[in-house]
PDB file of all heavy atoms in Angstrom:
ATOM      1  N   LEU A   1      26.302  53.559 145.336  1.00  0.00           N
ATOM      2  CA  LEU A   1      26.998  52.447 145.806  1.00  0.00           C
ATOM      3  C   LEU A   1      26.662  51.350 144.794  1.00  0.00           C
ATOM      4  O   LEU A   1      25.520  51.035 144.484  1.00  0.00           O
ATOM      5  CB  LEU A   1      26.511  51.992 147.189  1.00  0.00           C
ATOM      6  CG  LEU A   1      27.083  50.665 147.710  1.00  0.00           C
ATOM      7  CD1 LEU A   1      28.533  50.731 147.812  1.00  0.00           C
ATOM      8  CD2 LEU A   1      26.386  50.345 149.058  1.00  0.00           C
ATOM      9  N   VAL A   2      27.717  50.714 144.290  1.00  0.00           N
ATOM     10  CA  VAL A   2      27.517  49.605 143.270  1.00  0.00           C
ATOM     11  C   VAL A   2      28.475  48.503 143.546  1.00  0.00           C
ATOM     12  O   VAL A   2      29.568  48.718 144.039  1.00  0.00           O
ATOM     13  CB  VAL A   2      27.644  50.207 141.865  1.00  0.00           C
ATOM     14  CG1 VAL A   2      29.071  50.703 141.596  1.00  0.00           C
ATOM     15  CG2 VAL A   2      27.241  49.249 140.838  1.00  0.00           C
ATOM     16  N   GLN A   3      28.077  47.335 143.180  1.00  0.00           N
ATOM     17  CA  GLN A   3      28.942  46.152 143.387  1.00  0.00           C
ATOM     18  C   GLN A   3      29.990  46.114 142.187  1.00  0.00           C
ATOM     19  O   GLN A   3      29.750  46.590 141.128  1.00  0.00           O
ATOM     20  CB  GLN A   3      28.177  44.825 143.423  1.00  0.00           C
ATOM     21  CG  GLN A   3      27.296  44.716 144.600  1.00  0.00           C
ATOM     22  CD  GLN A   3      26.607  43.395 144.679  1.00  0.00           C
ATOM     23  OE1 GLN A   3      26.454  42.710 143.639  1.00  0.00           O
ATOM     24  NE2 GLN A   3      26.189  42.925 145.842  1.00  0.00           N
ATOM     25  N   PRO A   4      31.103  45.483 142.404  1.00  0.00           N
ATOM     26  CA  PRO A   4      32.085  45.271 141.320  1.00  0.00           C
ATOM     27  C   PRO A   4      31.411  44.642 140.165  1.00  0.00           C
ATOM     28  O   PRO A   4      30.609  43.695 140.258  1.00  0.00           O
ATOM     29  CB  PRO A   4      33.126  44.391 141.948  1.00  0.00           C
ATOM     30  CG  PRO A   4      33.105  44.633 143.371  1.00  0.00           C
ATOM     31  CD  PRO A   4      31.594  44.842 143.713  1.00  0.00           C
ATOM     32  N   GLY A   5      31.730  45.170 139.005  1.00  0.00           N
ATOM     33  CA  GLY A   5      31.142  44.692 137.771  1.00  0.00           C
ATOM     34  C   GLY A   5      29.824  45.452 137.354  1.00  0.00           C
ATOM     35  O   GLY A   5      29.339  45.299 136.222  1.00  0.00           O
ATOM     36  N   GLY A   6      29.405  46.246 138.261  1.00  0.00           N
ATOM     37  CA  GLY A   6      28.094  47.036 137.994  1.00  0.00           C
ATOM     38  C   GLY A   6      28.375  48.245 137.164  1.00  0.00           C
ATOM     39  O   GLY A   6      29.426  48.530 136.710  1.00  0.00           O
ATOM     40  N   SER A   7      27.283  48.943 136.989  1.00  0.00           N
ATOM     41  CA  SER A   7      27.328  50.135 136.063  1.00  0.00           C
ATOM     42  C   SER A   7      26.597  51.323 136.759  1.00  0.00           C
ATOM     43  O   SER A   7      25.729  51.155 137.574  1.00  0.00           O
ATOM     44  CB  SER A   7      26.488  49.787 134.768  1.00  0.00           C
ATOM     45  OG  SER A   7      27.071  48.753 134.008  1.00  0.00           O
ATOM     46  N   LEU A   8      27.038  52.460 136.308  1.00  0.00           N
ATOM     47  CA  LEU A   8      26.468  53.735 136.755  1.00  0.00           C
ATOM     48  C   LEU A   8      26.549  54.712 135.592  1.00  0.00           C
ATOM     49  O   LEU A   8      27.468  54.626 134.753  1.00  0.00           O
ATOM     50  CB  LEU A   8      27.121  54.389 137.938  1.00  0.00           C
ATOM     51  CG  LEU A   8      26.875  53.808 139.352  1.00  0.00           C
ATOM     52  CD1 LEU A   8      27.800  54.406 140.363  1.00  0.00           C
ATOM     53  CD2 LEU A   8      25.423  53.897 139.758  1.00  0.00           C
ATOM     54  N   ARG A   9      25.617  55.629 135.553  1.00  0.00           N
ATOM     55  CA  ARG A   9      25.635  56.760 134.547  1.00  0.00           C
ATOM     56  C   ARG A   9      25.622  58.066 135.300  1.00  0.00           C
ATOM     57  O   ARG A   9      24.753  58.412 135.990  1.00  0.00           O
ATOM     58  CB  ARG A   9      24.512  56.698 133.544  1.00  0.00           C
ATOM     59  CG  ARG A   9      24.596  57.697 132.436  1.00  0.00           C
ATOM     60  CD  ARG A   9      23.500  57.336 131.427  1.00  0.00           C
ATOM     61  NE  ARG A   9      23.578  58.209 130.244  1.00  0.00           N
ATOM     62  CZ  ARG A   9      22.808  59.252 129.938  1.00  0.00           C
ATOM     63  NH1 ARG A   9      21.878  59.623 130.829  1.00  0.00           N
ATOM     64  NH2 ARG A   9      22.962  59.959 128.925  1.00  0.00           N
ATOM     65  N   LEU A  10      26.689  58.783 135.132  1.00  0.00           N
ATOM     66  CA  LEU A  10      26.827  60.109 135.717  1.00  0.00           C
ATOM     67  C   LEU A  10      26.426  61.164 134.734  1.00  0.00           C
ATOM     68  O   LEU A  10      26.589  61.057 133.555  1.00  0.00           O
ATOM     69  CB  LEU A  10      28.263  60.337 136.228  1.00  0.00           C
ATOM     70  CG  LEU A  10      28.895  59.343 137.068  1.00  0.00           C
ATOM     71  CD1 LEU A  10      30.303  59.831 137.564  1.00  0.00           C
ATOM     72  CD2 LEU A  10      28.022  58.959 138.275  1.00  0.00           C
ATOM     73  N   SER A  11      25.931  62.265 135.290  1.00  0.00           N
ATOM     74  CA  SER A  11      25.587  63.402 134.490  1.00  0.00           C
ATOM     75  C   SER A  11      26.200  64.689 135.095  1.00  0.00           C
ATOM     76  O   SER A  11      26.370  64.760 136.266  1.00  0.00           O
ATOM     77  CB  SER A  11      24.076  63.638 134.244  1.00  0.00           C
ATOM     78  OG  SER A  11      23.512  63.883 135.503  1.00  0.00           O
ATOM     79  N   CYS A  12      26.505  65.603 134.195  1.00  0.00           N
ATOM     80  CA  CYS A  12      27.059  66.844 134.683  1.00  0.00           C
ATOM     81  C   CYS A  12      26.345  67.984 133.919  1.00  0.00           C
ATOM     82  O   CYS A  12      26.335  68.044 132.653  1.00  0.00           O
ATOM     83  CB  CYS A  12      28.561  66.942 134.323  1.00  0.00           C
ATOM     84  SG  CYS A  12      29.289  68.553 134.427  1.00  0.00           S
ATOM     85  N   ALA A  13      25.694  68.945 134.618  1.00  0.00           N
ATOM     86  CA  ALA A  13      24.914  69.962 134.024  1.00  0.00           C
ATOM     87  C   ALA A  13      25.671  71.310 134.361  1.00  0.00           C
ATOM     88  O   ALA A  13      26.063  71.519 135.461  1.00  0.00           O
ATOM     89  CB  ALA A  13      23.566  69.992 134.671  1.00  0.00           C
ATOM     90  N   ALA A  14      25.822  72.004 133.268  1.00  0.00           N
ATOM     91  CA  ALA A  14      26.461  73.393 133.421  1.00  0.00           C
ATOM     92  C   ALA A  14      25.352  74.433 133.415  1.00  0.00           C
ATOM     93  O   ALA A  14      24.356  74.303 132.640  1.00  0.00           O
ATOM     94  CB  ALA A  14      27.442  73.597 132.313  1.00  0.00           C
ATOM     95  N   SER A  15      25.550  75.506 134.178  1.00  0.00           N
ATOM     96  CA  SER A  15      24.505  76.511 134.282  1.00  0.00           C
ATOM     97  C   SER A  15      24.464  77.429 133.121  1.00  0.00           C
ATOM     98  O   SER A  15      23.511  78.249 132.969  1.00  0.00           O
ATOM     99  CB  SER A  15      24.679  77.254 135.588  1.00  0.00           C
ATOM    100  OG  SER A  15      25.949  77.908 135.601  1.00  0.00           O
ATOM    101  N   ARG A  16      25.457  77.388 132.214  1.00  0.00           N
ATOM    102  CA  ARG A  16      25.445  78.318 131.087  1.00  0.00           C
ATOM    103  C   ARG A  16      25.749  77.571 129.875  1.00  0.00           C
ATOM    104  O   ARG A  16      26.551  76.569 129.831  1.00  0.00           O
ATOM    105  CB  ARG A  16      26.569  79.404 131.282  1.00  0.00           C
ATOM    106  CG  ARG A  16      26.035  80.552 132.174  1.00  0.00           C
ATOM    107  CD  ARG A  16      27.087  81.532 132.438  1.00  0.00           C
ATOM    108  NE  ARG A  16      28.207  81.664 131.505  1.00  0.00           N
ATOM    109  CZ  ARG A  16      29.289  82.399 131.799  1.00  0.00           C
ATOM    110  NH1 ARG A  16      29.400  83.058 132.914  1.00  0.00           N
ATOM    111  NH2 ARG A  16      30.252  82.443 130.952  1.00  0.00           N
ATOM    112  N   ARG A  17      25.204  77.948 128.755  1.00  0.00           N
ATOM    113  CA  ARG A  17      25.339  77.237 127.485  1.00  0.00           C
ATOM    114  C   ARG A  17      26.717  77.331 126.855  1.00  0.00           C
ATOM    115  O   ARG A  17      27.049  76.556 126.009  1.00  0.00           O
ATOM    116  CB  ARG A  17      24.256  77.774 126.458  1.00  0.00           C
ATOM    117  CG  ARG A  17      22.832  77.276 126.862  1.00  0.00           C
ATOM    118  CD  ARG A  17      21.858  77.659 125.717  1.00  0.00           C
ATOM    119  NE  ARG A  17      20.609  77.230 125.996  1.00  0.00           N
ATOM    120  CZ  ARG A  17      20.123  75.979 125.692  1.00  0.00           C
ATOM    121  NH1 ARG A  17      20.985  75.117 125.222  1.00  0.00           N
ATOM    122  NH2 ARG A  17      18.923  75.584 126.053  1.00  0.00           N
ATOM    123  N   ASP A  18      27.535  78.287 127.262  1.00  0.00           N
ATOM    124  CA  ASP A  18      28.815  78.466 126.663  1.00  0.00           C
ATOM    125  C   ASP A  18      29.737  77.252 126.892  1.00  0.00           C
ATOM    126  O   ASP A  18      30.824  77.134 126.255  1.00  0.00           O
ATOM    127  CB  ASP A  18      29.476  79.709 127.018  1.00  0.00           C
ATOM    128  CG  ASP A  18      29.658  79.890 128.554  1.00  0.00           C
ATOM    129  OD1 ASP A  18      29.267  79.026 129.265  1.00  0.00           O
ATOM    130  OD2 ASP A  18      30.123  80.961 128.946  1.00  0.00           O
ATOM    131  N   CYS A  19      29.327  76.310 127.869  1.00  0.00           N
ATOM    132  CA  CYS A  19      30.103  75.196 128.066  1.00  0.00           C
ATOM    133  C   CYS A  19      30.126  74.215 126.873  1.00  0.00           C
ATOM    134  O   CYS A  19      31.003  73.387 126.675  1.00  0.00           O
ATOM    135  CB  CYS A  19      29.588  74.448 129.232  1.00  0.00           C
ATOM    136  SG  CYS A  19      29.811  75.296 130.812  1.00  0.00           S
ATOM    137  N   SER A  20      29.130  74.449 126.006  1.00  0.00           N
ATOM    138  CA  SER A  20      28.962  73.492 124.796  1.00  0.00           C
ATOM    139  C   SER A  20      30.086  73.664 123.932  1.00  0.00           C
ATOM    140  O   SER A  20      30.355  72.772 123.095  1.00  0.00           O
ATOM    141  CB  SER A  20      27.628  73.685 124.171  1.00  0.00           C
ATOM    142  OG  SER A  20      27.524  74.987 123.656  1.00  0.00           O
ATOM    143  N   SER A  21      30.864  74.738 123.958  1.00  0.00           N
ATOM    144  CA  SER A  21      31.968  75.032 123.049  1.00  0.00           C
ATOM    145  C   SER A  21      33.265  74.659 123.644  1.00  0.00           C
ATOM    146  O   SER A  21      34.366  74.741 122.988  1.00  0.00           O
ATOM    147  CB  SER A  21      32.018  76.465 122.647  1.00  0.00           C
ATOM    148  OG  SER A  21      32.230  77.284 123.754  1.00  0.00           O
ATOM    149  N   ARG A  22      33.272  74.110 124.821  1.00  0.00           N
ATOM    150  CA  ARG A  22      34.517  73.779 125.564  1.00  0.00           C
ATOM    151  C   ARG A  22      34.794  72.398 125.527  1.00  0.00           C
ATOM    152  O   ARG A  22      33.822  71.487 125.511  1.00  0.00           O
ATOM    153  CB  ARG A  22      34.350  74.264 127.022  1.00  0.00           C
ATOM    154  CG  ARG A  22      33.915  75.728 127.209  1.00  0.00           C
ATOM    155  CD  ARG A  22      35.069  76.623 126.948  1.00  0.00           C
ATOM    156  NE  ARG A  22      36.105  76.582 127.953  1.00  0.00           N
ATOM    157  CZ  ARG A  22      35.986  77.288 129.126  1.00  0.00           C
ATOM    158  NH1 ARG A  22      35.068  78.034 129.349  1.00  0.00           N
ATOM    159  NH2 ARG A  22      37.068  77.158 129.928  1.00  0.00           N
ATOM    160  N   THR A  23      36.006  71.995 125.577  1.00  0.00           N
ATOM    161  CA  THR A  23      36.385  70.582 125.820  1.00  0.00           C
ATOM    162  C   THR A  23      36.178  70.285 127.331  1.00  0.00           C
ATOM    163  O   THR A  23      36.692  71.010 128.159  1.00  0.00           O
ATOM    164  CB  THR A  23      37.890  70.356 125.495  1.00  0.00           C
ATOM    165  OG1 THR A  23      38.086  70.494 124.097  1.00  0.00           O
ATOM    166  CG2 THR A  23      38.296  68.872 125.893  1.00  0.00           C
ATOM    167  N   MET A  24      35.404  69.300 127.565  1.00  0.00           N
ATOM    168  CA  MET A  24      34.950  69.031 128.930  1.00  0.00           C
ATOM    169  C   MET A  24      35.572  67.633 129.329  1.00  0.00           C
ATOM    170  O   MET A  24      35.806  66.775 128.482  1.00  0.00           O
ATOM    171  CB  MET A  24      33.513  68.922 129.077  1.00  0.00           C
ATOM    172  CG  MET A  24      32.764  70.216 128.770  1.00  0.00           C
ATOM    173  SD  MET A  24      33.137  71.485 129.989  1.00  0.00           S
ATOM    174  CE  MET A  24      32.306  70.820 131.484  1.00  0.00           C
ATOM    175  N   GLY A  25      35.795  67.531 130.684  1.00  0.00           N
ATOM    176  CA  GLY A  25      36.442  66.315 131.093  1.00  0.00           C
ATOM    177  C   GLY A  25      35.713  65.791 132.443  1.00  0.00           C
ATOM    178  O   GLY A  25      35.118  66.561 133.126  1.00  0.00           O
ATOM    179  N   TRP A  26      35.908  64.556 132.647  1.00  0.00           N
ATOM    180  CA  TRP A  26      35.543  63.949 133.903  1.00  0.00           C
ATOM    181  C   TRP A  26      36.832  63.669 134.659  1.00  0.00           C
ATOM    182  O   TRP A  26      37.835  63.175 134.133  1.00  0.00           O
ATOM    183  CB  TRP A  26      34.784  62.624 133.659  1.00  0.00           C
ATOM    184  CG  TRP A  26      33.266  62.837 133.439  1.00  0.00           C
ATOM    185  CD1 TRP A  26      32.751  62.790 132.125  1.00  0.00           C
ATOM    186  CD2 TRP A  26      32.283  63.095 134.355  1.00  0.00           C
ATOM    187  NE1 TRP A  26      31.387  63.042 132.240  1.00  0.00           N
ATOM    188  CE2 TRP A  26      31.110  63.257 133.573  1.00  0.00           C
ATOM    189  CE3 TRP A  26      32.211  63.297 135.697  1.00  0.00           C
ATOM    190  CZ2 TRP A  26      29.869  63.553 134.238  1.00  0.00           C
ATOM    191  CZ3 TRP A  26      31.041  63.561 136.336  1.00  0.00           C
ATOM    192  CH2 TRP A  26      29.821  63.636 135.555  1.00  0.00           C
ATOM    193  N   TYR A  27      36.789  64.036 135.987  1.00  0.00           N
ATOM    194  CA  TYR A  27      37.894  63.874 136.833  1.00  0.00           C
ATOM    195  C   TYR A  27      37.389  63.029 138.028  1.00  0.00           C
ATOM    196  O   TYR A  27      36.131  62.943 138.294  1.00  0.00           O
ATOM    197  CB  TYR A  27      38.371  65.210 137.355  1.00  0.00           C
ATOM    198  CG  TYR A  27      38.811  66.234 136.342  1.00  0.00           C
ATOM    199  CD1 TYR A  27      37.927  66.831 135.547  1.00  0.00           C
ATOM    200  CD2 TYR A  27      40.198  66.561 136.233  1.00  0.00           C
ATOM    201  CE1 TYR A  27      38.354  67.800 134.623  1.00  0.00           C
ATOM    202  CE2 TYR A  27      40.610  67.459 135.338  1.00  0.00           C
ATOM    203  CZ  TYR A  27      39.720  68.088 134.566  1.00  0.00           C
ATOM    204  OH  TYR A  27      40.142  69.038 133.609  1.00  0.00           O
ATOM    205  N   ARG A  28      38.321  62.463 138.775  1.00  0.00           N
ATOM    206  CA  ARG A  28      37.942  61.829 139.998  1.00  0.00           C
ATOM    207  C   ARG A  28      39.059  61.952 141.002  1.00  0.00           C
ATOM    208  O   ARG A  28      40.249  62.110 140.623  1.00  0.00           O
ATOM    209  CB  ARG A  28      37.585  60.326 139.777  1.00  0.00           C
ATOM    210  CG  ARG A  28      38.829  59.419 139.150  1.00  0.00           C
ATOM    211  CD  ARG A  28      38.365  58.040 138.865  1.00  0.00           C
ATOM    212  NE  ARG A  28      39.421  57.216 138.387  1.00  0.00           N
ATOM    213  CZ  ARG A  28      39.267  55.975 137.984  1.00  0.00           C
ATOM    214  NH1 ARG A  28      38.049  55.431 137.978  1.00  0.00           N
ATOM    215  NH2 ARG A  28      40.265  55.268 137.539  1.00  0.00           N
ATOM    216  N   GLN A  29      38.653  61.891 142.225  1.00  0.00           N
ATOM    217  CA  GLN A  29      39.603  62.000 143.293  1.00  0.00           C
ATOM    218  C   GLN A  29      39.315  60.909 144.343  1.00  0.00           C
ATOM    219  O   GLN A  29      38.212  60.965 144.991  1.00  0.00           O
ATOM    220  CB  GLN A  29      39.552  63.375 144.042  1.00  0.00           C
ATOM    221  CG  GLN A  29      40.616  63.586 145.112  1.00  0.00           C
ATOM    222  CD  GLN A  29      40.705  64.991 145.503  1.00  0.00           C
ATOM    223  OE1 GLN A  29      39.820  65.802 145.255  1.00  0.00           O
ATOM    224  NE2 GLN A  29      41.908  65.359 146.054  1.00  0.00           N
ATOM    225  N   ALA A  30      40.200  59.936 144.491  1.00  0.00           N
ATOM    226  CA  ALA A  30      40.060  58.859 145.447  1.00  0.00           C
ATOM    227  C   ALA A  30      40.591  59.362 146.786  1.00  0.00           C
ATOM    228  O   ALA A  30      41.450  60.185 146.788  1.00  0.00           O
ATOM    229  CB  ALA A  30      40.751  57.652 144.892  1.00  0.00           C
ATOM    230  N   PRO A  31      40.276  58.742 147.873  1.00  0.00           N
ATOM    231  CA  PRO A  31      40.820  59.086 149.148  1.00  0.00           C
ATOM    232  C   PRO A  31      42.260  59.082 149.197  1.00  0.00           C
ATOM    233  O   PRO A  31      42.870  58.048 148.804  1.00  0.00           O
ATOM    234  CB  PRO A  31      40.147  58.093 150.078  1.00  0.00           C
ATOM    235  CG  PRO A  31      38.855  57.619 149.392  1.00  0.00           C
ATOM    236  CD  PRO A  31      39.203  57.692 147.968  1.00  0.00           C
ATOM    237  N   GLY A  32      42.852  60.217 149.632  1.00  0.00           N
ATOM    238  CA  GLY A  32      44.334  60.272 149.874  1.00  0.00           C
ATOM    239  C   GLY A  32      45.052  60.425 148.523  1.00  0.00           C
ATOM    240  O   GLY A  32      46.326  60.406 148.522  1.00  0.00           O
ATOM    241  N   LYS A  33      44.347  60.646 147.369  1.00  0.00           N
ATOM    242  CA  LYS A  33      45.021  60.814 146.129  1.00  0.00           C
ATOM    243  C   LYS A  33      44.624  62.175 145.514  1.00  0.00           C
ATOM    244  O   LYS A  33      43.689  62.818 145.945  1.00  0.00           O
ATOM    245  CB  LYS A  33      44.647  59.631 145.170  1.00  0.00           C
ATOM    246  CG  LYS A  33      45.128  58.347 145.651  1.00  0.00           C
ATOM    247  CD  LYS A  33      44.840  57.261 144.613  1.00  0.00           C
ATOM    248  CE  LYS A  33      45.423  55.932 145.072  1.00  0.00           C
ATOM    249  NZ  LYS A  33      45.157  54.875 144.004  1.00  0.00           N
ATOM    250  N   GLN A  34      45.401  62.594 144.507  1.00  0.00           N
ATOM    251  CA  GLN A  34      45.124  63.768 143.784  1.00  0.00           C
ATOM    252  C   GLN A  34      44.029  63.619 142.772  1.00  0.00           C
ATOM    253  O   GLN A  34      43.754  62.462 142.280  1.00  0.00           O
ATOM    254  CB  GLN A  34      46.357  64.283 143.059  1.00  0.00           C
ATOM    255  CG  GLN A  34      47.489  64.836 143.980  1.00  0.00           C
ATOM    256  CD  GLN A  34      48.574  65.459 143.231  1.00  0.00           C
ATOM    257  OE1 GLN A  34      48.832  65.168 142.095  1.00  0.00           O
ATOM    258  NE2 GLN A  34      49.289  66.446 143.873  1.00  0.00           N
ATOM    259  N   ARG A  35      43.343  64.641 142.500  1.00  0.00           N
ATOM    260  CA  ARG A  35      42.268  64.614 141.470  1.00  0.00           C
ATOM    261  C   ARG A  35      42.935  64.346 140.106  1.00  0.00           C
ATOM    262  O   ARG A  35      43.975  64.920 139.801  1.00  0.00           O
ATOM    263  CB  ARG A  35      41.579  65.964 141.423  1.00  0.00           C
ATOM    264  CG  ARG A  35      40.305  66.012 140.497  1.00  0.00           C
ATOM    265  CD  ARG A  35      39.676  67.363 140.638  1.00  0.00           C
ATOM    266  NE  ARG A  35      39.072  67.538 141.962  1.00  0.00           N
ATOM    267  CZ  ARG A  35      38.743  68.705 142.452  1.00  0.00           C
ATOM    268  NH1 ARG A  35      38.931  69.885 141.770  1.00  0.00           N
ATOM    269  NH2 ARG A  35      38.220  68.749 143.555  1.00  0.00           N
TER     270      ARG A  35
END
């Protein structure tokens, strides 16, 4: 939970190293909306 104007740092860990060769993306899904 953060106030407007604030900052957060997200991390994503993959269980296998082969992800390092892939194009990776961040997605988000808001309530009632598509990812």
